[in-house]
Amino acid sequence: MKVIIIGGERVPYFLAKKLIASGYKVYFVNKDKEICEEYSRTLNAAIIYGDGQSKVVLDHLGIEPDDIVVLLMERDRKNFFIARLVQEYYKVRNVVTFLNNSENEDLFDRYGIRTLKVTDLIMQNIEPLLFENEVVEMIKDEASNRGATVLKIDVDWDSKIADKALHELKIPDGIVVAGIVREDKYLIPRGDTIIKPDDKLILICSEEQSKTAMEIFFL
């Protein structure tokens, strides 16, 4: 099995490097001569200078049904054309394409073409941040009305509280761990809850106890 990457500029370079490092045989097809020359000097891959929309070019790749074809052309119609070409002529079962316009997703799905949407990739990374901020703001609103302070503690990998249970920290009265944001989930902690790296702890305490709280959880 080989991985055939058609089109693109920077993305295929780093993708190819990772695949090669993992032991896969990689073919790269691009009609930009300069890119092909650059990649041929730096990548241990088969570099083909030519138009990936041409069956003549594709015939030289020895494409087999078990191969994986990754399409990174700048237009959905080009990606779709090549996807259908390799499906029909070479019976390729695994085709992955970058989707430029999400409105075309149904068309690709209809023919079993897997799609990667840039909007989804971005949202996967910012949704946990949005969720975390919403939770903190809601608790802040409630706490401030009662004269309390809300602190948010980011748990680093080398933090002194990482991988410890809450009851081990000997938290004094008046300091409450109101919640833990873990990935995109909000957890209600108990005494035996283990604090993990990358957790976000939400603490509620009085203004006077904020220094003590920071000493326990952060300093």
N, C-alpha and C. Protein backbone atom coordinates (compact mmCIF):
# COMPACT_ATOMS: atom_id res chain seq x y z
N MET A 1 0.83 -1.20 0.00
CA MET A 1 0.00 0.00 0.00
C MET A 1 0.87 1.25 0.00
N LYS A 2 0.49 2.23 -0.79
CA LYS A 2 1.20 3.50 -0.82
C LYS A 2 0.22 4.65 -0.64
N VAL A 3 0.75 5.79 -0.27
CA VAL A 3 -0.06 7.00 -0.11
C VAL A 3 0.29 7.96 -1.23
N ILE A 4 -0.71 8.38 -1.98
CA ILE A 4 -0.51 9.28 -3.11
C ILE A 4 -1.11 10.63 -2.78
N ILE A 5 -0.27 11.65 -2.76
CA ILE A 5 -0.71 13.01 -2.43
C ILE A 5 -0.72 13.83 -3.70
N ILE A 6 -1.87 14.40 -4.04
CA ILE A 6 -2.00 15.15 -5.28
C ILE A 6 -2.36 16.60 -4.96
N GLY A 7 -1.51 17.52 -5.45
CA GLY A 7 -1.77 18.95 -5.25
C GLY A 7 -1.23 19.47 -3.93
N GLY A 8 -1.51 20.77 -3.69
CA GLY A 8 -1.08 21.40 -2.45
C GLY A 8 0.33 21.96 -2.53
N GLU A 9 0.70 22.68 -1.46
CA GLU A 9 2.04 23.27 -1.40
C GLU A 9 2.75 22.87 -0.11
N ARG A 10 2.51 23.61 0.99
CA ARG A 10 3.20 23.33 2.24
C ARG A 10 2.63 22.11 2.97
N VAL A 11 1.31 21.98 2.96
CA VAL A 11 0.67 20.88 3.69
C VAL A 11 1.19 19.52 3.26
N PRO A 12 1.26 19.22 1.97
CA PRO A 12 1.72 17.88 1.57
C PRO A 12 3.16 17.60 1.99
N TYR A 13 3.98 18.63 2.08
CA TYR A 13 5.38 18.42 2.47
C TYR A 13 5.46 17.83 3.88
N PHE A 14 4.79 18.48 4.82
CA PHE A 14 4.84 18.01 6.21
C PHE A 14 4.08 16.70 6.39
N LEU A 15 3.00 16.54 5.63
CA LEU A 15 2.25 15.28 5.68
C LEU A 15 3.13 14.14 5.17
N ALA A 16 3.81 14.39 4.06
CA ALA A 16 4.69 13.37 3.49
C ALA A 16 5.82 13.01 4.44
N LYS A 17 6.41 14.00 5.10
CA LYS A 17 7.50 13.74 6.05
C LYS A 17 7.04 12.82 7.18
N LYS A 18 5.84 13.09 7.69
CA LYS A 18 5.31 12.28 8.77
C LYS A 18 5.02 10.86 8.30
N LEU A 19 4.45 10.73 7.12
CA LEU A 19 4.13 9.40 6.59
C LEU A 19 5.39 8.59 6.32
N ILE A 20 6.39 9.25 5.76
CA ILE A 20 7.66 8.57 5.47
C ILE A 20 8.32 8.10 6.76
N ALA A 21 8.29 8.96 7.78
CA ALA A 21 8.87 8.61 9.07
C ALA A 21 8.15 7.42 9.69
N SER A 22 6.87 7.24 9.33
CA SER A 22 6.09 6.13 9.87
C SER A 22 6.23 4.86 9.03
N GLY A 23 7.05 4.96 7.97
CA GLY A 23 7.33 3.77 7.16
C GLY A 23 6.48 3.60 5.91
N TYR A 24 5.69 4.60 5.56
CA TYR A 24 4.84 4.48 4.37
C TYR A 24 5.57 4.92 3.11
N LYS A 25 5.20 4.32 2.01
CA LYS A 25 5.73 4.71 0.71
C LYS A 25 4.85 5.83 0.17
N VAL A 26 5.46 6.96 -0.16
CA VAL A 26 4.69 8.15 -0.54
C VAL A 26 5.01 8.57 -1.97
N TYR A 27 3.94 8.88 -2.70
CA TYR A 27 4.05 9.46 -4.03
C TYR A 27 3.45 10.86 -3.97
N PHE A 28 4.13 11.80 -4.60
CA PHE A 28 3.65 13.18 -4.58
C PHE A 28 3.52 13.67 -6.03
N VAL A 29 2.32 14.17 -6.36
CA VAL A 29 2.05 14.64 -7.73
C VAL A 29 1.70 16.12 -7.69
N ASN A 30 2.41 16.92 -8.51
CA ASN A 30 2.12 18.35 -8.55
C ASN A 30 2.56 18.91 -9.90
N LYS A 31 1.79 19.86 -10.41
CA LYS A 31 2.15 20.45 -11.70
C LYS A 31 3.01 21.70 -11.56
N ASP A 32 3.39 22.02 -10.34
CA ASP A 32 4.31 23.13 -10.10
C ASP A 32 5.74 22.58 -10.12
N LYS A 33 6.50 22.95 -11.13
CA LYS A 33 7.84 22.39 -11.32
C LYS A 33 8.78 22.74 -10.17
N GLU A 34 8.70 23.98 -9.69
CA GLU A 34 9.59 24.41 -8.60
C GLU A 34 9.33 23.62 -7.32
N ILE A 35 8.06 23.38 -7.00
CA ILE A 35 7.72 22.60 -5.81
C ILE A 35 8.25 21.18 -5.94
N CYS A 36 8.08 20.59 -7.11
CA CYS A 36 8.57 19.23 -7.33
C CYS A 36 10.08 19.14 -7.18
N GLU A 37 10.79 20.13 -7.70
CA GLU A 37 12.25 20.14 -7.59
C GLU A 37 12.68 20.28 -6.14
N GLU A 38 11.98 21.15 -5.40
CA GLU A 38 12.30 21.34 -3.99
C GLU A 38 12.05 20.06 -3.20
N TYR A 39 10.89 19.43 -3.42
CA TYR A 39 10.55 18.21 -2.69
C TYR A 39 11.48 17.05 -3.04
N SER A 40 11.92 16.99 -4.28
CA SER A 40 12.81 15.91 -4.70
C SER A 40 14.16 15.99 -3.99
N ARG A 41 14.54 17.20 -3.56
CA ARG A 41 15.80 17.38 -2.84
C ARG A 41 15.68 17.05 -1.35
N THR A 42 14.47 17.17 -0.82
CA THR A 42 14.32 17.08 0.64
C THR A 42 13.46 15.91 1.12
N LEU A 43 12.75 15.26 0.21
CA LEU A 43 11.87 14.16 0.62
C LEU A 43 12.30 12.83 0.01
N ASN A 44 12.25 11.79 0.81
CA ASN A 44 12.51 10.44 0.32
C ASN A 44 11.20 9.85 -0.21
N ALA A 45 10.71 10.47 -1.28
CA ALA A 45 9.42 10.06 -1.85
C ALA A 45 9.52 10.10 -3.37
N ALA A 46 8.56 9.47 -4.02
CA ALA A 46 8.50 9.52 -5.48
C ALA A 46 7.80 10.83 -5.88
N ILE A 47 8.52 11.70 -6.57
CA ILE A 47 7.99 13.02 -6.94
C ILE A 47 7.64 13.00 -8.42
N ILE A 48 6.39 13.27 -8.72
CA ILE A 48 5.93 13.25 -10.12
C ILE A 48 5.49 14.64 -10.52
N TYR A 49 6.16 15.19 -11.51
CA TYR A 49 5.81 16.50 -12.05
C TYR A 49 4.75 16.30 -13.14
N GLY A 50 3.52 16.77 -12.86
CA GLY A 50 2.45 16.60 -13.83
C GLY A 50 1.11 16.97 -13.24
N ASP A 51 0.10 16.98 -14.07
CA ASP A 51 -1.26 17.35 -13.66
C ASP A 51 -1.99 16.12 -13.12
N GLY A 52 -2.36 16.18 -11.86
CA GLY A 52 -3.06 15.05 -11.23
C GLY A 52 -4.42 14.77 -11.82
N GLN A 53 -4.93 15.67 -12.66
CA GLN A 53 -6.22 15.45 -13.31
C GLN A 53 -6.08 14.64 -14.60
N SER A 54 -4.83 14.37 -14.97
CA SER A 54 -4.57 13.64 -16.21
C SER A 54 -4.43 12.15 -15.94
N LYS A 55 -5.22 11.35 -16.65
CA LYS A 55 -5.13 9.90 -16.48
C LYS A 55 -3.78 9.38 -16.97
N VAL A 56 -3.18 10.05 -17.91
CA VAL A 56 -1.86 9.64 -18.41
C VAL A 56 -0.84 9.73 -17.27
N VAL A 57 -0.93 10.81 -16.49
CA VAL A 57 -0.02 10.98 -15.35
C VAL A 57 -0.31 9.93 -14.29
N LEU A 58 -1.59 9.72 -13.99
CA LEU A 58 -1.98 8.76 -12.96
C LEU A 58 -1.61 7.33 -13.33
N ASP A 59 -1.62 7.02 -14.61
CA ASP A 59 -1.28 5.66 -15.05
C ASP A 59 0.16 5.29 -14.68
N HIS A 60 1.03 6.30 -14.57
CA HIS A 60 2.43 6.05 -14.26
C HIS A 60 2.65 5.73 -12.77
N LEU A 61 1.60 5.88 -11.95
CA LEU A 61 1.76 5.70 -10.51
C LEU A 61 1.53 4.27 -10.06
N GLY A 62 0.99 3.45 -10.95
CA GLY A 62 0.71 2.07 -10.57
C GLY A 62 -0.30 2.00 -9.43
N ILE A 63 -1.36 2.78 -9.53
CA ILE A 63 -2.35 2.88 -8.46
C ILE A 63 -3.10 1.56 -8.29
N GLU A 64 -3.24 1.14 -7.03
CA GLU A 64 -3.95 -0.10 -6.71
C GLU A 64 -5.11 0.18 -5.77
N PRO A 65 -6.09 -0.72 -5.70
CA PRO A 65 -7.29 -0.48 -4.89
C PRO A 65 -7.01 -0.20 -3.41
N ASP A 66 -5.93 -0.78 -2.86
CA ASP A 66 -5.63 -0.59 -1.44
C ASP A 66 -4.86 0.70 -1.14
N ASP A 67 -4.46 1.41 -2.17
CA ASP A 67 -3.72 2.66 -1.96
C ASP A 67 -4.63 3.72 -1.34
N ILE A 68 -4.00 4.69 -0.71
CA ILE A 68 -4.74 5.84 -0.16
C ILE A 68 -4.40 7.06 -1.01
N VAL A 69 -5.42 7.73 -1.51
CA VAL A 69 -5.21 8.92 -2.33
C VAL A 69 -5.69 10.14 -1.55
N VAL A 70 -4.78 11.10 -1.38
CA VAL A 70 -5.09 12.33 -0.65
C VAL A 70 -5.08 13.49 -1.64
N LEU A 71 -6.20 14.21 -1.71
CA LEU A 71 -6.36 15.27 -2.69
C LEU A 71 -6.35 16.64 -2.01
N LEU A 72 -5.43 17.50 -2.47
CA LEU A 72 -5.27 18.81 -1.85
C LEU A 72 -5.30 19.93 -2.88
N MET A 73 -6.08 19.75 -3.93
CA MET A 73 -6.20 20.77 -4.97
C MET A 73 -6.93 21.99 -4.42
N GLU A 74 -6.77 23.11 -5.11
CA GLU A 74 -7.33 24.37 -4.61
C GLU A 74 -8.81 24.55 -4.92
N ARG A 75 -9.38 23.67 -5.73
CA ARG A 75 -10.81 23.75 -6.08
C ARG A 75 -11.47 22.41 -5.83
N ASP A 76 -12.70 22.45 -5.24
CA ASP A 76 -13.44 21.22 -4.96
C ASP A 76 -13.73 20.43 -6.23
N ARG A 77 -14.02 21.15 -7.31
CA ARG A 77 -14.37 20.44 -8.55
C ARG A 77 -13.18 19.63 -9.07
N LYS A 78 -11.97 20.12 -8.84
CA LYS A 78 -10.78 19.37 -9.25
C LYS A 78 -10.59 18.14 -8.37
N ASN A 79 -10.76 18.34 -7.08
CA ASN A 79 -10.64 17.21 -6.14
C ASN A 79 -11.68 16.14 -6.45
N PHE A 80 -12.91 16.59 -6.75
CA PHE A 80 -13.99 15.64 -7.04
C PHE A 80 -13.70 14.87 -8.33
N PHE A 81 -13.21 15.59 -9.33
CA PHE A 81 -12.91 14.95 -10.62
C PHE A 81 -11.84 13.86 -10.44
N ILE A 82 -10.78 14.18 -9.71
CA ILE A 82 -9.71 13.20 -9.52
C ILE A 82 -10.19 12.04 -8.66
N ALA A 83 -11.00 12.35 -7.64
CA ALA A 83 -11.52 11.30 -6.76
C ALA A 83 -12.34 10.28 -7.55
N ARG A 84 -13.22 10.78 -8.40
CA ARG A 84 -14.04 9.87 -9.20
C ARG A 84 -13.19 9.11 -10.23
N LEU A 85 -12.13 9.77 -10.72
CA LEU A 85 -11.24 9.14 -11.69
C LEU A 85 -10.55 7.93 -11.06
N VAL A 86 -10.00 8.11 -9.86
CA VAL A 86 -9.27 6.99 -9.23
C VAL A 86 -10.23 5.92 -8.71
N GLN A 87 -11.45 6.33 -8.38
CA GLN A 87 -12.44 5.34 -7.96
C GLN A 87 -12.89 4.47 -9.13
N GLU A 88 -13.14 5.10 -10.26
CA GLU A 88 -13.68 4.38 -11.40
C GLU A 88 -12.63 3.55 -12.14
N TYR A 89 -11.47 4.14 -12.41
CA TYR A 89 -10.47 3.47 -13.24
C TYR A 89 -9.54 2.55 -12.45
N TYR A 90 -9.25 2.93 -11.19
CA TYR A 90 -8.28 2.15 -10.41
C TYR A 90 -8.91 1.46 -9.20
N LYS A 91 -10.23 1.66 -9.05
CA LYS A 91 -11.01 1.01 -7.97
C LYS A 91 -10.47 1.32 -6.58
N VAL A 92 -9.93 2.51 -6.41
CA VAL A 92 -9.39 2.93 -5.11
C VAL A 92 -10.54 3.08 -4.11
N ARG A 93 -10.38 2.45 -2.96
CA ARG A 93 -11.44 2.48 -1.95
C ARG A 93 -11.26 3.62 -0.94
N ASN A 94 -10.04 4.10 -0.78
CA ASN A 94 -9.78 5.11 0.24
C ASN A 94 -9.29 6.41 -0.39
N VAL A 95 -10.21 7.36 -0.49
CA VAL A 95 -9.89 8.68 -1.04
C VAL A 95 -10.24 9.73 0.00
N VAL A 96 -9.27 10.56 0.31
CA VAL A 96 -9.48 11.65 1.28
C VAL A 96 -9.20 12.96 0.57
N THR A 97 -10.09 13.92 0.73
CA THR A 97 -9.91 15.19 0.04
C THR A 97 -10.12 16.38 0.97
N PHE A 98 -9.38 17.42 0.72
CA PHE A 98 -9.59 18.68 1.43
C PHE A 98 -10.82 19.34 0.84
N LEU A 99 -11.77 19.73 1.69
CA LEU A 99 -13.01 20.35 1.23
C LEU A 99 -12.92 21.86 1.42
N ASN A 100 -12.93 22.59 0.30
CA ASN A 100 -12.81 24.04 0.36
C ASN A 100 -14.13 24.71 0.70
N ASN A 101 -15.23 24.14 0.20
CA ASN A 101 -16.56 24.71 0.43
C ASN A 101 -17.46 23.65 1.05
N SER A 102 -17.88 23.87 2.30
CA SER A 102 -18.67 22.86 3.03
C SER A 102 -20.01 22.57 2.35
N GLU A 103 -20.46 23.46 1.47
CA GLU A 103 -21.72 23.22 0.76
C GLU A 103 -21.61 22.03 -0.20
N ASN A 104 -20.38 21.63 -0.51
CA ASN A 104 -20.18 20.51 -1.44
C ASN A 104 -20.05 19.17 -0.72
N GLU A 105 -20.19 19.19 0.59
CA GLU A 105 -19.95 17.97 1.38
C GLU A 105 -20.87 16.82 0.98
N ASP A 106 -22.14 17.10 0.76
CA ASP A 106 -23.10 16.05 0.41
C ASP A 106 -22.71 15.33 -0.87
N LEU A 107 -22.18 16.09 -1.83
CA LEU A 107 -21.77 15.49 -3.10
C LEU A 107 -20.65 14.49 -2.89
N PHE A 108 -19.66 14.86 -2.10
CA PHE A 108 -18.54 13.95 -1.83
C PHE A 108 -19.00 12.74 -1.03
N ASP A 109 -19.86 12.97 -0.06
CA ASP A 109 -20.38 11.87 0.77
C ASP A 109 -21.12 10.84 -0.07
N ARG A 110 -21.84 11.33 -1.06
CA ARG A 110 -22.65 10.46 -1.91
C ARG A 110 -21.80 9.40 -2.61
N TYR A 111 -20.55 9.75 -2.88
CA TYR A 111 -19.67 8.83 -3.59
C TYR A 111 -18.61 8.21 -2.66
N GLY A 112 -18.83 8.33 -1.37
CA GLY A 112 -17.92 7.70 -0.41
C GLY A 112 -16.54 8.32 -0.35
N ILE A 113 -16.46 9.61 -0.63
CA ILE A 113 -15.18 10.33 -0.59
C ILE A 113 -15.07 11.05 0.75
N ARG A 114 -14.07 10.69 1.52
CA ARG A 114 -13.90 11.32 2.83
C ARG A 114 -13.41 12.75 2.68
N THR A 115 -13.92 13.63 3.51
CA THR A 115 -13.55 15.04 3.39
C THR A 115 -12.96 15.58 4.69
N LEU A 116 -12.05 16.52 4.54
CA LEU A 116 -11.48 17.27 5.66
C LEU A 116 -11.85 18.72 5.46
N LYS A 117 -12.60 19.26 6.41
CA LYS A 117 -13.07 20.65 6.30
C LYS A 117 -12.24 21.54 7.22
N VAL A 118 -11.69 22.60 6.67
CA VAL A 118 -10.85 23.49 7.46
C VAL A 118 -11.63 24.12 8.61
N THR A 119 -12.93 24.41 8.38
CA THR A 119 -13.73 25.01 9.46
C THR A 119 -13.89 24.06 10.63
N ASP A 120 -14.06 22.76 10.33
CA ASP A 120 -14.20 21.76 11.40
C ASP A 120 -12.90 21.61 12.17
N LEU A 121 -11.77 21.62 11.45
CA LEU A 121 -10.48 21.47 12.10
C LEU A 121 -10.21 22.63 13.06
N ILE A 122 -10.60 23.84 12.65
CA ILE A 122 -10.42 25.01 13.51
C ILE A 122 -11.35 24.93 14.72
N MET A 123 -12.60 24.58 14.46
CA MET A 123 -13.58 24.53 15.55
C MET A 123 -13.21 23.47 16.59
N GLN A 124 -12.61 22.36 16.16
CA GLN A 124 -12.20 21.33 17.11
C GLN A 124 -11.22 21.88 18.13
N ASN A 125 -10.45 22.88 17.72
CA ASN A 125 -9.44 23.45 18.60
C ASN A 125 -9.96 24.61 19.43
N ILE A 126 -10.93 25.37 18.90
CA ILE A 126 -11.38 26.54 19.66
C ILE A 126 -12.63 26.28 20.50
N GLU A 127 -13.38 25.22 20.19
CA GLU A 127 -14.59 24.94 20.98
C GLU A 127 -14.30 24.73 22.45
N PRO A 128 -13.24 23.93 22.81
CA PRO A 128 -12.95 23.79 24.24
C PRO A 128 -12.62 25.12 24.91
N LEU A 129 -11.96 26.02 24.17
CA LEU A 129 -11.62 27.33 24.72
C LEU A 129 -12.87 28.17 24.94
N LEU A 130 -13.79 28.12 23.97
CA LEU A 130 -15.04 28.87 24.10
C LEU A 130 -15.86 28.35 25.27
N PHE A 131 -15.93 27.02 25.37
CA PHE A 131 -16.70 26.39 26.45
C PHE A 131 -16.12 26.78 27.81
N GLU A 132 -14.80 26.71 27.91
CA GLU A 132 -14.12 27.04 29.17
C GLU A 132 -14.42 28.47 29.59
N ASN A 133 -14.34 29.41 28.64
CA ASN A 133 -14.59 30.82 28.96
C ASN A 133 -16.03 31.06 29.38
N GLU A 134 -16.96 30.37 28.74
CA GLU A 134 -18.37 30.51 29.10
C GLU A 134 -18.61 30.07 30.53
N VAL A 135 -18.02 28.92 30.90
CA VAL A 135 -18.19 28.39 32.26
C VAL A 135 -17.63 29.36 33.29
N VAL A 136 -16.42 29.84 33.05
CA VAL A 136 -15.78 30.76 34.00
C VAL A 136 -16.60 32.03 34.16
N GLU A 137 -17.09 32.57 33.06
CA GLU A 137 -17.86 33.82 33.13
C GLU A 137 -19.15 33.64 33.91
N MET A 138 -19.82 32.49 33.71
CA MET A 138 -21.07 32.25 34.44
C MET A 138 -20.82 32.16 35.95
N ILE A 139 -19.75 31.45 36.32
CA ILE A 139 -19.43 31.32 37.74
C ILE A 139 -19.00 32.65 38.32
N LYS A 140 -18.26 33.42 37.56
CA LYS A 140 -17.82 34.75 38.02
C LYS A 140 -19.02 35.63 38.33
N ASP A 141 -20.01 35.59 37.44
CA ASP A 141 -21.21 36.42 37.65
C ASP A 141 -21.90 36.05 38.96
N GLU A 142 -22.02 34.74 39.20
CA GLU A 142 -22.69 34.28 40.42
C GLU A 142 -21.86 34.63 41.65
N ALA A 143 -20.57 34.41 41.59
CA ALA A 143 -19.70 34.61 42.75
C ALA A 143 -19.56 36.08 43.11
N SER A 144 -19.42 36.94 42.10
CA SER A 144 -19.23 38.36 42.38
C SER A 144 -20.44 38.97 43.07
N ASN A 145 -21.61 38.42 42.80
CA ASN A 145 -22.82 38.93 43.47
C ASN A 145 -22.84 38.58 44.95
N ARG A 146 -21.97 37.67 45.34
CA ARG A 146 -21.93 37.23 46.74
C ARG A 146 -20.61 37.59 47.41
N GLY A 147 -19.86 38.50 46.79
CA GLY A 147 -18.62 38.97 47.37
C GLY A 147 -17.47 37.98 47.32
N ALA A 148 -17.50 37.05 46.38
CA ALA A 148 -16.44 36.05 46.27
C ALA A 148 -15.59 36.31 45.03
N THR A 149 -14.44 35.63 44.99
CA THR A 149 -13.51 35.76 43.87
C THR A 149 -13.41 34.42 43.15
N VAL A 150 -13.32 34.48 41.83
CA VAL A 150 -13.16 33.26 41.03
C VAL A 150 -11.76 33.24 40.44
N LEU A 151 -11.06 32.14 40.64
CA LEU A 151 -9.72 31.97 40.08
C LEU A 151 -9.73 30.80 39.11
N LYS A 152 -8.98 30.94 38.03
CA LYS A 152 -8.84 29.84 37.07
C LYS A 152 -7.38 29.40 37.09
N ILE A 153 -7.15 28.11 37.35
CA ILE A 153 -5.79 27.57 37.43
C ILE A 153 -5.56 26.60 36.27
N ASP A 154 -4.58 26.88 35.44
CA ASP A 154 -4.18 25.96 34.38
C ASP A 154 -3.14 24.98 34.93
N VAL A 155 -3.42 23.70 34.79
CA VAL A 155 -2.52 22.68 35.33
C VAL A 155 -1.51 22.26 34.26
N ASP A 156 -0.25 22.61 34.47
CA ASP A 156 0.81 22.23 33.54
C ASP A 156 1.26 20.79 33.82
N TRP A 157 2.01 20.25 32.89
CA TRP A 157 2.49 18.87 33.05
C TRP A 157 3.44 18.73 34.23
N ASP A 158 4.19 19.80 34.53
CA ASP A 158 5.12 19.73 35.65
C ASP A 158 4.57 20.40 36.91
N SER A 159 3.26 20.64 36.93
CA SER A 159 2.65 21.27 38.10
C SER A 159 2.74 20.36 39.33
N LYS A 160 2.87 20.97 40.48
CA LYS A 160 2.97 20.19 41.72
C LYS A 160 1.66 19.49 42.09
N ILE A 161 0.55 19.91 41.48
CA ILE A 161 -0.73 19.29 41.80
C ILE A 161 -1.16 18.27 40.75
N ALA A 162 -0.41 18.16 39.66
CA ALA A 162 -0.78 17.21 38.60
C ALA A 162 -0.73 15.78 39.12
N ASP A 163 -1.72 14.99 38.76
CA ASP A 163 -1.83 13.57 39.12
C ASP A 163 -2.05 13.35 40.62
N LYS A 164 -2.54 14.36 41.30
CA LYS A 164 -2.89 14.22 42.71
C LYS A 164 -4.40 14.29 42.89
N ALA A 165 -4.90 13.62 43.93
CA ALA A 165 -6.32 13.71 44.26
C ALA A 165 -6.55 15.00 45.04
N LEU A 166 -7.73 15.56 44.92
CA LEU A 166 -8.03 16.82 45.62
C LEU A 166 -7.81 16.71 47.13
N HIS A 167 -8.18 15.56 47.72
CA HIS A 167 -8.07 15.44 49.18
C HIS A 167 -6.62 15.47 49.66
N GLU A 168 -5.67 15.21 48.75
CA GLU A 168 -4.26 15.25 49.11
C GLU A 168 -3.76 16.68 49.30
N LEU A 169 -4.48 17.65 48.78
CA LEU A 169 -4.01 19.04 48.80
C LEU A 169 -4.33 19.76 50.11
N LYS A 170 -5.17 19.14 50.94
CA LYS A 170 -5.53 19.73 52.24
C LYS A 170 -6.02 21.17 52.06
N ILE A 171 -7.07 21.29 51.28
CA ILE A 171 -7.63 22.61 50.97
C ILE A 171 -8.39 23.13 52.19
N PRO A 172 -8.06 24.33 52.67
CA PRO A 172 -8.74 24.86 53.86
C PRO A 172 -10.19 25.25 53.57
N ASP A 173 -10.99 25.35 54.63
CA ASP A 173 -12.37 25.81 54.49
C ASP A 173 -12.39 27.21 53.86
N GLY A 174 -13.36 27.42 53.05
CA GLY A 174 -13.49 28.73 52.43
C GLY A 174 -12.93 28.80 51.02
N ILE A 175 -12.19 27.75 50.63
CA ILE A 175 -11.69 27.65 49.25
C ILE A 175 -12.36 26.44 48.61
N VAL A 176 -13.10 26.68 47.56
CA VAL A 176 -13.89 25.62 46.93
C VAL A 176 -13.45 25.41 45.48
N VAL A 177 -13.21 24.15 45.13
CA VAL A 177 -12.98 23.82 43.73
C VAL A 177 -14.35 23.59 43.10
N ALA A 178 -14.81 24.61 42.40
CA ALA A 178 -16.18 24.57 41.88
C ALA A 178 -16.33 23.67 40.66
N GLY A 179 -15.24 23.49 39.95
CA GLY A 179 -15.33 22.65 38.76
C GLY A 179 -13.99 22.45 38.10
N ILE A 180 -13.94 21.49 37.22
CA ILE A 180 -12.75 21.22 36.41
C ILE A 180 -13.18 21.15 34.95
N VAL A 181 -12.54 21.96 34.12
CA VAL A 181 -12.77 21.89 32.68
C VAL A 181 -11.70 20.97 32.10
N ARG A 182 -12.14 19.83 31.59
CA ARG A 182 -11.23 18.83 31.01
C ARG A 182 -11.64 18.61 29.57
N GLU A 183 -10.78 19.05 28.65
CA GLU A 183 -11.09 19.05 27.23
C GLU A 183 -12.36 19.90 27.04
N ASP A 184 -13.46 19.31 26.58
CA ASP A 184 -14.68 20.11 26.40
C ASP A 184 -15.77 19.71 27.39
N LYS A 185 -15.35 19.14 28.53
CA LYS A 185 -16.32 18.70 29.54
C LYS A 185 -16.13 19.48 30.83
N TYR A 186 -17.24 19.69 31.54
CA TYR A 186 -17.20 20.35 32.84
C TYR A 186 -17.46 19.29 33.91
N LEU A 187 -16.49 19.09 34.79
CA LEU A 187 -16.60 18.05 35.82
C LEU A 187 -16.87 18.66 37.19
N ILE A 188 -17.76 18.04 37.93
CA ILE A 188 -17.98 18.41 39.34
C ILE A 188 -17.05 17.54 40.17
N PRO A 189 -16.02 18.12 40.78
CA PRO A 189 -15.01 17.31 41.47
C PRO A 189 -15.46 16.82 42.84
N ARG A 190 -14.86 15.70 43.24
CA ARG A 190 -15.02 15.17 44.59
C ARG A 190 -13.64 15.05 45.22
N GLY A 191 -13.58 14.61 46.45
CA GLY A 191 -12.29 14.51 47.13
C GLY A 191 -11.33 13.56 46.47
N ASP A 192 -11.86 12.49 45.83
CA ASP A 192 -10.98 11.52 45.20
C ASP A 192 -10.73 11.81 43.72
N THR A 193 -11.21 12.95 43.23
CA THR A 193 -10.98 13.32 41.83
C THR A 193 -9.49 13.60 41.61
N ILE A 194 -8.93 12.97 40.58
CA ILE A 194 -7.52 13.16 40.25
C ILE A 194 -7.37 14.35 39.31
N ILE A 195 -6.48 15.26 39.66
CA ILE A 195 -6.19 16.41 38.80
C ILE A 195 -5.21 15.97 37.72
N LYS A 196 -5.54 16.27 36.48
CA LYS A 196 -4.71 15.83 35.37
C LYS A 196 -4.06 17.02 34.66
N PRO A 197 -2.90 16.79 34.05
CA PRO A 197 -2.28 17.85 33.26
C PRO A 197 -3.24 18.36 32.19
N ASP A 198 -3.21 19.65 31.94
CA ASP A 198 -4.09 20.33 30.97
C ASP A 198 -5.49 20.60 31.52
N ASP A 199 -5.77 20.17 32.76
CA ASP A 199 -7.04 20.54 33.39
C ASP A 199 -7.06 22.04 33.66
N LYS A 200 -8.26 22.60 33.71
CA LYS A 200 -8.47 23.97 34.15
C LYS A 200 -9.33 23.92 35.40
N LEU A 201 -8.77 24.32 36.52
CA LEU A 201 -9.53 24.31 37.78
C LEU A 201 -10.19 25.66 37.99
N ILE A 202 -11.44 25.62 38.44
CA ILE A 202 -12.16 26.85 38.74
C ILE A 202 -12.38 26.90 40.25
N LEU A 203 -11.76 27.87 40.89
CA LEU A 203 -11.82 28.00 42.34
C LEU A 203 -12.68 29.20 42.73
N ILE A 204 -13.39 29.04 43.85
CA ILE A 204 -14.14 30.14 44.45
C ILE A 204 -13.65 30.33 45.87
N CYS A 205 -13.32 31.57 46.20
CA CYS A 205 -12.86 31.88 47.55
C CYS A 205 -13.08 33.37 47.83
N SER A 206 -12.82 33.76 49.06
CA SER A 206 -12.92 35.18 49.39
C SER A 206 -11.67 35.88 48.87
N GLU A 207 -11.74 37.19 48.78
CA GLU A 207 -10.59 37.97 48.32
C GLU A 207 -9.38 37.73 49.22
N GLU A 208 -9.64 37.59 50.53
CA GLU A 208 -8.55 37.41 51.49
C GLU A 208 -7.85 36.06 51.32
N GLN A 209 -8.58 35.07 50.80
CA GLN A 209 -8.00 33.73 50.68
C GLN A 209 -7.41 33.45 49.30
N SER A 210 -7.48 34.41 48.42
CA SER A 210 -6.99 34.18 47.06
C SER A 210 -5.49 33.88 47.03
N LYS A 211 -4.73 34.55 47.91
CA LYS A 211 -3.29 34.29 47.96
C LYS A 211 -3.01 32.86 48.42
N THR A 212 -3.75 32.42 49.46
CA THR A 212 -3.59 31.06 49.97
C THR A 212 -3.93 30.04 48.88
N ALA A 213 -4.99 30.33 48.14
CA ALA A 213 -5.41 29.43 47.06
C ALA A 213 -4.32 29.31 45.99
N MET A 214 -3.71 30.42 45.65
CA MET A 214 -2.65 30.42 44.64
C MET A 214 -1.45 29.63 45.12
N GLU A 215 -1.14 29.73 46.41
CA GLU A 215 -0.01 29.00 46.98
C GLU A 215 -0.25 27.48 46.93
N ILE A 216 -1.49 27.07 47.14
CA ILE A 216 -1.82 25.64 47.14
C ILE A 216 -1.82 25.08 45.73
N PHE A 217 -2.43 25.80 44.81
CA PHE A 217 -2.68 25.23 43.49
C PHE A 217 -1.68 25.64 42.43
N PHE A 218 -0.97 26.71 42.66
CA PHE A 218 -0.17 27.24 41.56
C PHE A 218 1.30 27.46 41.90
N LEU A 219 1.60 28.12 42.99
CA LEU A 219 2.99 28.50 43.29
C LEU A 219 3.82 27.30 43.75
